[in-house]
C-alpha atoms as a PDB file:
ATOM      1  CA  MET A   1      57.256  95.394  39.224  1.00  0.00           C
ATOM      2  CA  ARG A   2      57.681  91.791  37.995  1.00  0.00           C
ATOM      3  CA  ILE A   3      55.777  92.486  34.739  1.00  0.00           C
ATOM      4  CA  GLU A   4      57.875  95.622  34.156  1.00  0.00           C
ATOM      5  CA  ARG A   5      61.026  93.483  34.536  1.00  0.00           C
ATOM      6  CA  SER A   6      59.515  91.025  32.067  1.00  0.00           C
ATOM      7  CA  ILE A   7      58.875  93.743  29.527  1.00  0.00           C
ATOM      8  CA  LEU A   8      62.375  95.120  29.941  1.00  0.00           C
ATOM      9  CA  ALA A   9      63.980  91.680  29.658  1.00  0.00           C
ATOM     10  CA  VAL A  10      62.074  90.776  26.511  1.00  0.00           C
ATOM     11  CA  SER A  11      62.759  94.216  25.023  1.00  0.00           C
ATOM     12  CA  MET A  12      66.463  93.810  25.705  1.00  0.00           C
ATOM     13  CA  LEU A  13      66.399  90.567  23.737  1.00  0.00           C
ATOM     14  CA  VAL A  14      65.920  92.620  20.570  1.00  0.00           C
ATOM     15  CA  LEU A  15      69.501  93.755  21.005  1.00  0.00           C
ATOM     16  CA  PHE A  16      70.685  90.211  21.684  1.00  0.00           C
ATOM     17  CA  VAL A  17      69.042  88.755  18.594  1.00  0.00           C
ATOM     18  CA  GLY A  18      70.506  91.502  16.428  1.00  0.00           C
ATOM     19  CA  PHE A  19      74.039  90.698  17.640  1.00  0.00           C
ATOM     20  CA  THR A  20      76.024  88.966  14.917  1.00  0.00           C
ATOM     21  CA  GLY A  21      78.941  87.936  17.087  1.00  0.00           C
ATOM     22  CA  CYS A  22      82.694  88.114  16.802  1.00  0.00           C
ATOM     23  CA  GLY A  23      85.585  85.688  16.726  1.00  0.00           C
ATOM     24  CA  SER A  24      85.233  84.785  20.401  1.00  0.00           C
ATOM     25  CA  HIS A  25      81.599  83.649  20.018  1.00  0.00           C
ATOM     26  CA  GLN A  26      80.422  80.412  18.492  1.00  0.00           C
ATOM     27  CA  PRO A  27      78.545  80.724  15.193  1.00  0.00           C
ATOM     28  CA  PRO A  28      74.942  79.511  15.234  1.00  0.00           C
ATOM     29  CA  PRO A  29      74.517  75.824  14.362  1.00  0.00           C
ATOM     30  CA  PRO A  30      72.996  74.963  10.987  1.00  0.00           C
ATOM     31  CA  PRO A  31      69.165  75.098  10.980  1.00  0.00           C
ATOM     32  CA  ASP A  32      68.698  71.339  10.503  1.00  0.00           C
ATOM     33  CA  THR A  33      70.542  70.609  13.788  1.00  0.00           C
ATOM     34  CA  GLY A  34      69.499  73.783  15.562  1.00  0.00           C
ATOM     35  CA  ILE A  35      67.510  74.454  18.689  1.00  0.00           C
ATOM     36  CA  ALA A  36      64.156  74.676  16.906  1.00  0.00           C
ATOM     37  CA  ALA A  37      64.424  70.956  16.163  1.00  0.00           C
ATOM     38  CA  ALA A  38      65.785  70.077  19.612  1.00  0.00           C
ATOM     39  CA  LEU A  39      63.177  71.791  21.761  1.00  0.00           C
ATOM     40  CA  PRO A  40      60.063  69.655  22.247  1.00  0.00           C
ATOM     41  CA  PHE A  41      58.014  72.836  22.716  1.00  0.00           C
ATOM     42  CA  ALA A  42      59.211  74.398  19.430  1.00  0.00           C
ATOM     43  CA  PRO A  43      57.371  73.259  16.309  1.00  0.00           C
ATOM     44  CA  PRO A  44      60.122  72.512  13.752  1.00  0.00           C
ATOM     45  CA  PRO A  45      61.281  73.859  11.391  1.00  0.00           C
ATOM     46  CA  GLN A  46      60.068  77.430  11.932  1.00  0.00           C
ATOM     47  CA  GLY A  47      60.734  77.633  15.664  1.00  0.00           C
ATOM     48  CA  GLY A  48      58.442  78.833  18.397  1.00  0.00           C
ATOM     49  CA  PHE A  49      57.604  78.062  21.978  1.00  0.00           C
ATOM     50  CA  GLY A  50      54.814  76.403  23.942  1.00  0.00           C
ATOM     51  CA  GLY A  51      53.063  75.170  20.818  1.00  0.00           C
ATOM     52  CA  ILE A  52      53.033  78.656  19.269  1.00  0.00           C
ATOM     53  CA  ALA A  53      54.906  78.909  15.976  1.00  0.00           C
ATOM     54  CA  CYS A  54      57.000  81.967  15.230  1.00  0.00           C
ATOM     55  CA  GLY A  55      54.803  84.555  13.536  1.00  0.00           C
ATOM     56  CA  ALA A  56      51.521  82.951  14.679  1.00  0.00           C
ATOM     57  CA  PRO A  57      48.772  85.110  16.207  1.00  0.00           C
ATOM     58  CA  PRO A  58      47.832  84.880  19.915  1.00  0.00           C
ATOM     59  CA  GLN A  59      45.834  81.799  20.859  1.00  0.00           C
ATOM     60  CA  ALA A  60      42.226  82.013  22.050  1.00  0.00           C
ATOM     61  CA  ASN A  61      43.180  80.741  25.529  1.00  0.00           C
ATOM     62  CA  MET A  62      45.653  83.599  26.144  1.00  0.00           C
ATOM     63  CA  LYS A  63      45.012  86.543  28.439  1.00  0.00           C
ATOM     64  CA  LEU A  64      46.174  90.005  27.344  1.00  0.00           C
ATOM     65  CA  VAL A  65      48.202  91.684  30.112  1.00  0.00           C
ATOM     66  CA  ARG A  66      49.654  94.737  28.382  1.00  0.00           C
ATOM     67  CA  THR A  67      49.822  96.617  25.104  1.00  0.00           C
ATOM     68  CA  ALA A  68      52.654  98.956  24.140  1.00  0.00           C
ATOM     69  CA  GLY A  69      52.271 100.238  20.587  1.00  0.00           C
ATOM     70  CA  ASP A  70      52.767  97.327  18.177  1.00  0.00           C
ATOM     71  CA  LEU A  71      53.689  95.021  21.080  1.00  0.00           C
ATOM     72  CA  THR A  72      51.235  92.952  23.078  1.00  0.00           C
ATOM     73  CA  PHE A  73      52.015  90.751  26.064  1.00  0.00           C
ATOM     74  CA  TYR A  74      49.977  87.709  27.047  1.00  0.00           C
ATOM     75  CA  THR A  75      49.909  84.976  29.637  1.00  0.00           C
ATOM     76  CA  ARG A  76      48.262  81.602  29.264  1.00  0.00           C
ATOM     77  CA  PRO A  77      46.433  80.607  32.458  1.00  0.00           C
ATOM     78  CA  SER A  78      46.481  76.928  31.427  1.00  0.00           C
ATOM     79  CA  ASP A  79      50.310  76.772  31.446  1.00  0.00           C
ATOM     80  CA  PRO A  80      51.619  74.395  34.144  1.00  0.00           C
ATOM     81  CA  MET A  81      54.303  76.857  35.380  1.00  0.00           C
ATOM     82  CA  ARG A  82      56.834  74.027  35.677  1.00  0.00           C
ATOM     83  CA  ILE A  83      59.794  72.980  33.578  1.00  0.00           C
ATOM     84  CA  ALA A  84      61.582  69.869  34.794  1.00  0.00           C
ATOM     85  CA  ALA A  85      62.125  70.244  38.563  1.00  0.00           C
ATOM     86  CA  GLY A  86      61.860  74.034  38.354  1.00  0.00           C
ATOM     87  CA  GLN A  87      58.870  76.109  39.406  1.00  0.00           C
ATOM     88  CA  LEU A  88      58.179  79.068  37.133  1.00  0.00           C
ATOM     89  CA  THR A  89      56.909  82.310  38.627  1.00  0.00           C
ATOM     90  CA  GLY A  90      56.188  83.923  35.290  1.00  0.00           C
ATOM     91  CA  GLU A  91      55.619  83.013  31.671  1.00  0.00           C
ATOM     92  CA  THR A  92      54.923  85.883  29.288  1.00  0.00           C
ATOM     93  CA  TYR A  93      54.356  85.703  25.550  1.00  0.00           C
ATOM     94  CA  ARG A  94      55.228  88.695  23.367  1.00  0.00           C
ATOM     95  CA  PHE A  95      53.637  89.507  20.006  1.00  0.00           C
ATOM     96  CA  TYR A  96      54.735  92.131  17.499  1.00  0.00           C
ATOM     97  CA  LYS A  97      51.917  93.240  15.187  1.00  0.00           C
ATOM     98  CA  ASN A  98      49.941  90.153  16.207  1.00  0.00           C
ATOM     99  CA  GLN A  99      52.836  87.774  15.376  1.00  0.00           C
ATOM    100  CA  PHE A 100      54.455  85.586  18.042  1.00  0.00           C
ATOM    101  CA  GLU A 101      57.873  87.106  18.660  1.00  0.00           C
ATOM    102  CA  GLY A 102      59.100  85.596  21.918  1.00  0.00           C
ATOM    103  CA  ALA A 103      58.553  84.252  25.398  1.00  0.00           C
ATOM    104  CA  LEU A 104      59.976  84.972  28.803  1.00  0.00           C
ATOM    105  CA  LEU A 105      60.159  82.322  31.537  1.00  0.00           C
ATOM    106  CA  GLN A 106      61.012  83.404  35.074  1.00  0.00           C
ATOM    107  CA  THR A 107      61.968  81.697  38.314  1.00  0.00           C
ATOM    108  CA  SER A 108      62.399  83.278  41.726  1.00  0.00           C
ATOM    109  CA  ASP A 109      64.411  80.738  43.738  1.00  0.00           C
ATOM    110  CA  SER A 110      67.862  79.252  43.319  1.00  0.00           C
ATOM    111  CA  ASN A 111      66.700  75.611  43.101  1.00  0.00           C
ATOM    112  CA  SER A 112      64.279  76.395  40.255  1.00  0.00           C
ATOM    113  CA  SER A 113      66.920  78.534  38.526  1.00  0.00           C
ATOM    114  CA  ALA A 114      69.456  75.699  38.651  1.00  0.00           C
ATOM    115  CA  ALA A 115      66.860  73.157  37.469  1.00  0.00           C
ATOM    116  CA  LEU A 116      65.856  75.413  34.569  1.00  0.00           C
ATOM    117  CA  LEU A 117      69.463  75.796  33.406  1.00  0.00           C
ATOM    118  CA  VAL A 118      70.095  72.046  33.610  1.00  0.00           C
ATOM    119  CA  HIS A 119      66.882  71.413  31.668  1.00  0.00           C
ATOM    120  CA  MET A 120      67.801  73.907  28.928  1.00  0.00           C
ATOM    121  CA  ARG A 121      71.315  72.490  28.583  1.00  0.00           C
ATOM    122  CA  ASN A 122      69.965  68.920  28.429  1.00  0.00           C
ATOM    123  CA  LEU A 123      67.486  69.897  25.713  1.00  0.00           C
ATOM    124  CA  ILE A 124      69.548  72.116  23.456  1.00  0.00           C
ATOM    125  CA  GLY A 125      73.167  71.570  24.404  1.00  0.00           C
ATOM    126  CA  PRO A 126      75.741  73.311  26.569  1.00  0.00           C
ATOM    127  CA  GLY A 127      75.229  76.734  25.016  1.00  0.00           C
ATOM    128  CA  THR A 128      77.716  79.556  24.909  1.00  0.00           C
ATOM    129  CA  LEU A 129      78.762  80.921  28.279  1.00  0.00           C
ATOM    130  CA  VAL A 130      78.493  84.679  27.751  1.00  0.00           C
ATOM    131  CA  SER A 131      79.230  85.589  31.354  1.00  0.00           C
ATOM    132  CA  PRO A 132      80.202  83.431  34.335  1.00  0.00           C
ATOM    133  CA  ILE A 133      78.710  86.094  36.605  1.00  0.00           C
ATOM    134  CA  GLY A 134      75.157  85.045  37.129  1.00  0.00           C
ATOM    135  CA  PRO A 135      75.711  82.921  34.885  1.00  0.00           C
ATOM    136  CA  LYS A 136      74.449  83.830  31.403  1.00  0.00           C
ATOM    137  CA  TYR A 137      74.208  81.342  28.491  1.00  0.00           C
ATOM    138  CA  THR A 138      72.984  81.730  24.916  1.00  0.00           C
ATOM    139  CA  TRP A 139      71.894  79.393  22.134  1.00  0.00           C
ATOM    140  CA  ALA A 140      70.987  80.371  18.584  1.00  0.00           C
ATOM    141  CA  ASP A 141      70.072  78.948  15.213  1.00  0.00           C
ATOM    142  CA  ALA A 142      68.490  80.406  12.084  1.00  0.00           C
ATOM    143  CA  ASN A 143      65.018  80.477  13.678  1.00  0.00           C
ATOM    144  CA  LEU A 144      65.427  81.044  17.408  1.00  0.00           C
ATOM    145  CA  ALA A 145      67.667  82.765  19.909  1.00  0.00           C
ATOM    146  CA  VAL A 146      67.528  81.592  23.528  1.00  0.00           C
ATOM    147  CA  GLU A 147      69.157  83.227  26.519  1.00  0.00           C
ATOM    148  CA  TYR A 148      69.397  82.020  30.127  1.00  0.00           C
ATOM    149  CA  ASP A 149      70.270  84.840  32.501  1.00  0.00           C
ATOM    150  CA  ARG A 150      70.590  84.649  36.258  1.00  0.00           C
ATOM    151  CA  ASP A 151      70.984  87.934  38.084  1.00  0.00           C
ATOM    152  CA  PRO A 152      73.941  87.508  40.465  1.00  0.00           C
ATOM    153  CA  GLY A 153      72.149  89.633  43.073  1.00  0.00           C
ATOM    154  CA  ALA A 154      68.951  87.562  43.017  1.00  0.00           C
ATOM    155  CA  ALA A 155      67.917  83.942  43.347  1.00  0.00           C
ATOM    156  CA  GLY A 156      65.739  83.963  40.222  1.00  0.00           C
ATOM    157  CA  SER A 157      66.559  83.606  36.562  1.00  0.00           C
ATOM    158  CA  ASP A 158      65.047  84.428  33.180  1.00  0.00           C
ATOM    159  CA  VAL A 159      64.946  82.430  29.962  1.00  0.00           C
ATOM    160  CA  LEU A 160      64.215  84.444  26.849  1.00  0.00           C
ATOM    161  CA  VAL A 161      63.113  82.685  23.675  1.00  0.00           C
ATOM    162  CA  ALA A 162      63.021  84.876  20.562  1.00  0.00           C
ATOM    163  CA  CYS A 163      61.868  84.328  16.997  1.00  0.00           C
ATOM    164  CA  ARG A 164      64.572  85.845  14.811  1.00  0.00           C
ATOM    165  CA  LYS A 165      62.388  86.547  11.743  1.00  0.00           C
ATOM    166  CA  VAL A 166      59.745  88.498  13.656  1.00  0.00           C
ATOM    167  CA  GLN A 167      62.369  90.395  15.620  1.00  0.00           C
ATOM    168  CA  ALA A 168      64.107  91.306  12.360  1.00  0.00           C
ATOM    169  CA  GLN A 169      60.817  92.836  11.181  1.00  0.00           C
ATOM    170  CA  GLN A 170      60.596  94.812  14.410  1.00  0.00           C
ATOM    171  CA  GLN A 171      64.201  95.992  14.132  1.00  0.00           C
ATOM    172  CA  ALA A 172      63.652  97.079  10.533  1.00  0.00           C
ATOM    173  CA  ALA A 173      60.583  99.065  11.571  1.00  0.00           C
ATOM    174  CA  MET A 174      62.533 100.670  14.431  1.00  0.00           C
ATOM    175  CA  ALA A 175      65.416 101.548  12.084  1.00  0.00           C
ATOM    176  CA  GLY A 176      63.003 103.336   9.774  1.00  0.00           C
ATOM    177  CA  ALA A 177      61.243 105.211  12.586  1.00  0.00           C
ATOM    178  CA  PRO A 178      62.080 108.891  13.054  1.00  0.00           C
ATOM    179  CA  GLN A 179      64.544 109.531  15.874  1.00  0.00           C
ATOM    180  CA  HIS A 180      63.572 111.908  18.683  1.00  0.00           C
END
């Protein structure tokens, strides 16, 4: 069930990354001051997560957990499963046509969820509060889109990190696919 939620959450990020915003949303910061440069786990300037650059292939130390068409999902058993004071319960890496496209971090308790949000805001700024229910925050620059989402009915939270360029390739392929 948890992996299915992971797949759904990462899949939903495709819609988030494609969102261009409106007058009530902040525009993305310029690339030179963006989140790719601020995150210690994102190799500037192309973005990424956990030492994996956007568009890079899976690393040799990754374990394949699921394939769905052009999408593959991996874990990395060597990951510490901690960020700041928060304990992670899941960390999934998503690849589109063998190119790193995004990551999903998950917590399952309120203390870890709060610690993860504080850590993200300390690293990449206050973010845009999309919804106070939960809450839900977003950050974006030319390379990456990041979303923190806490389900109001659960103690856990998700952080989605997405590589915009690879997701744009995926969206273009989906737009050209025949509709059923």
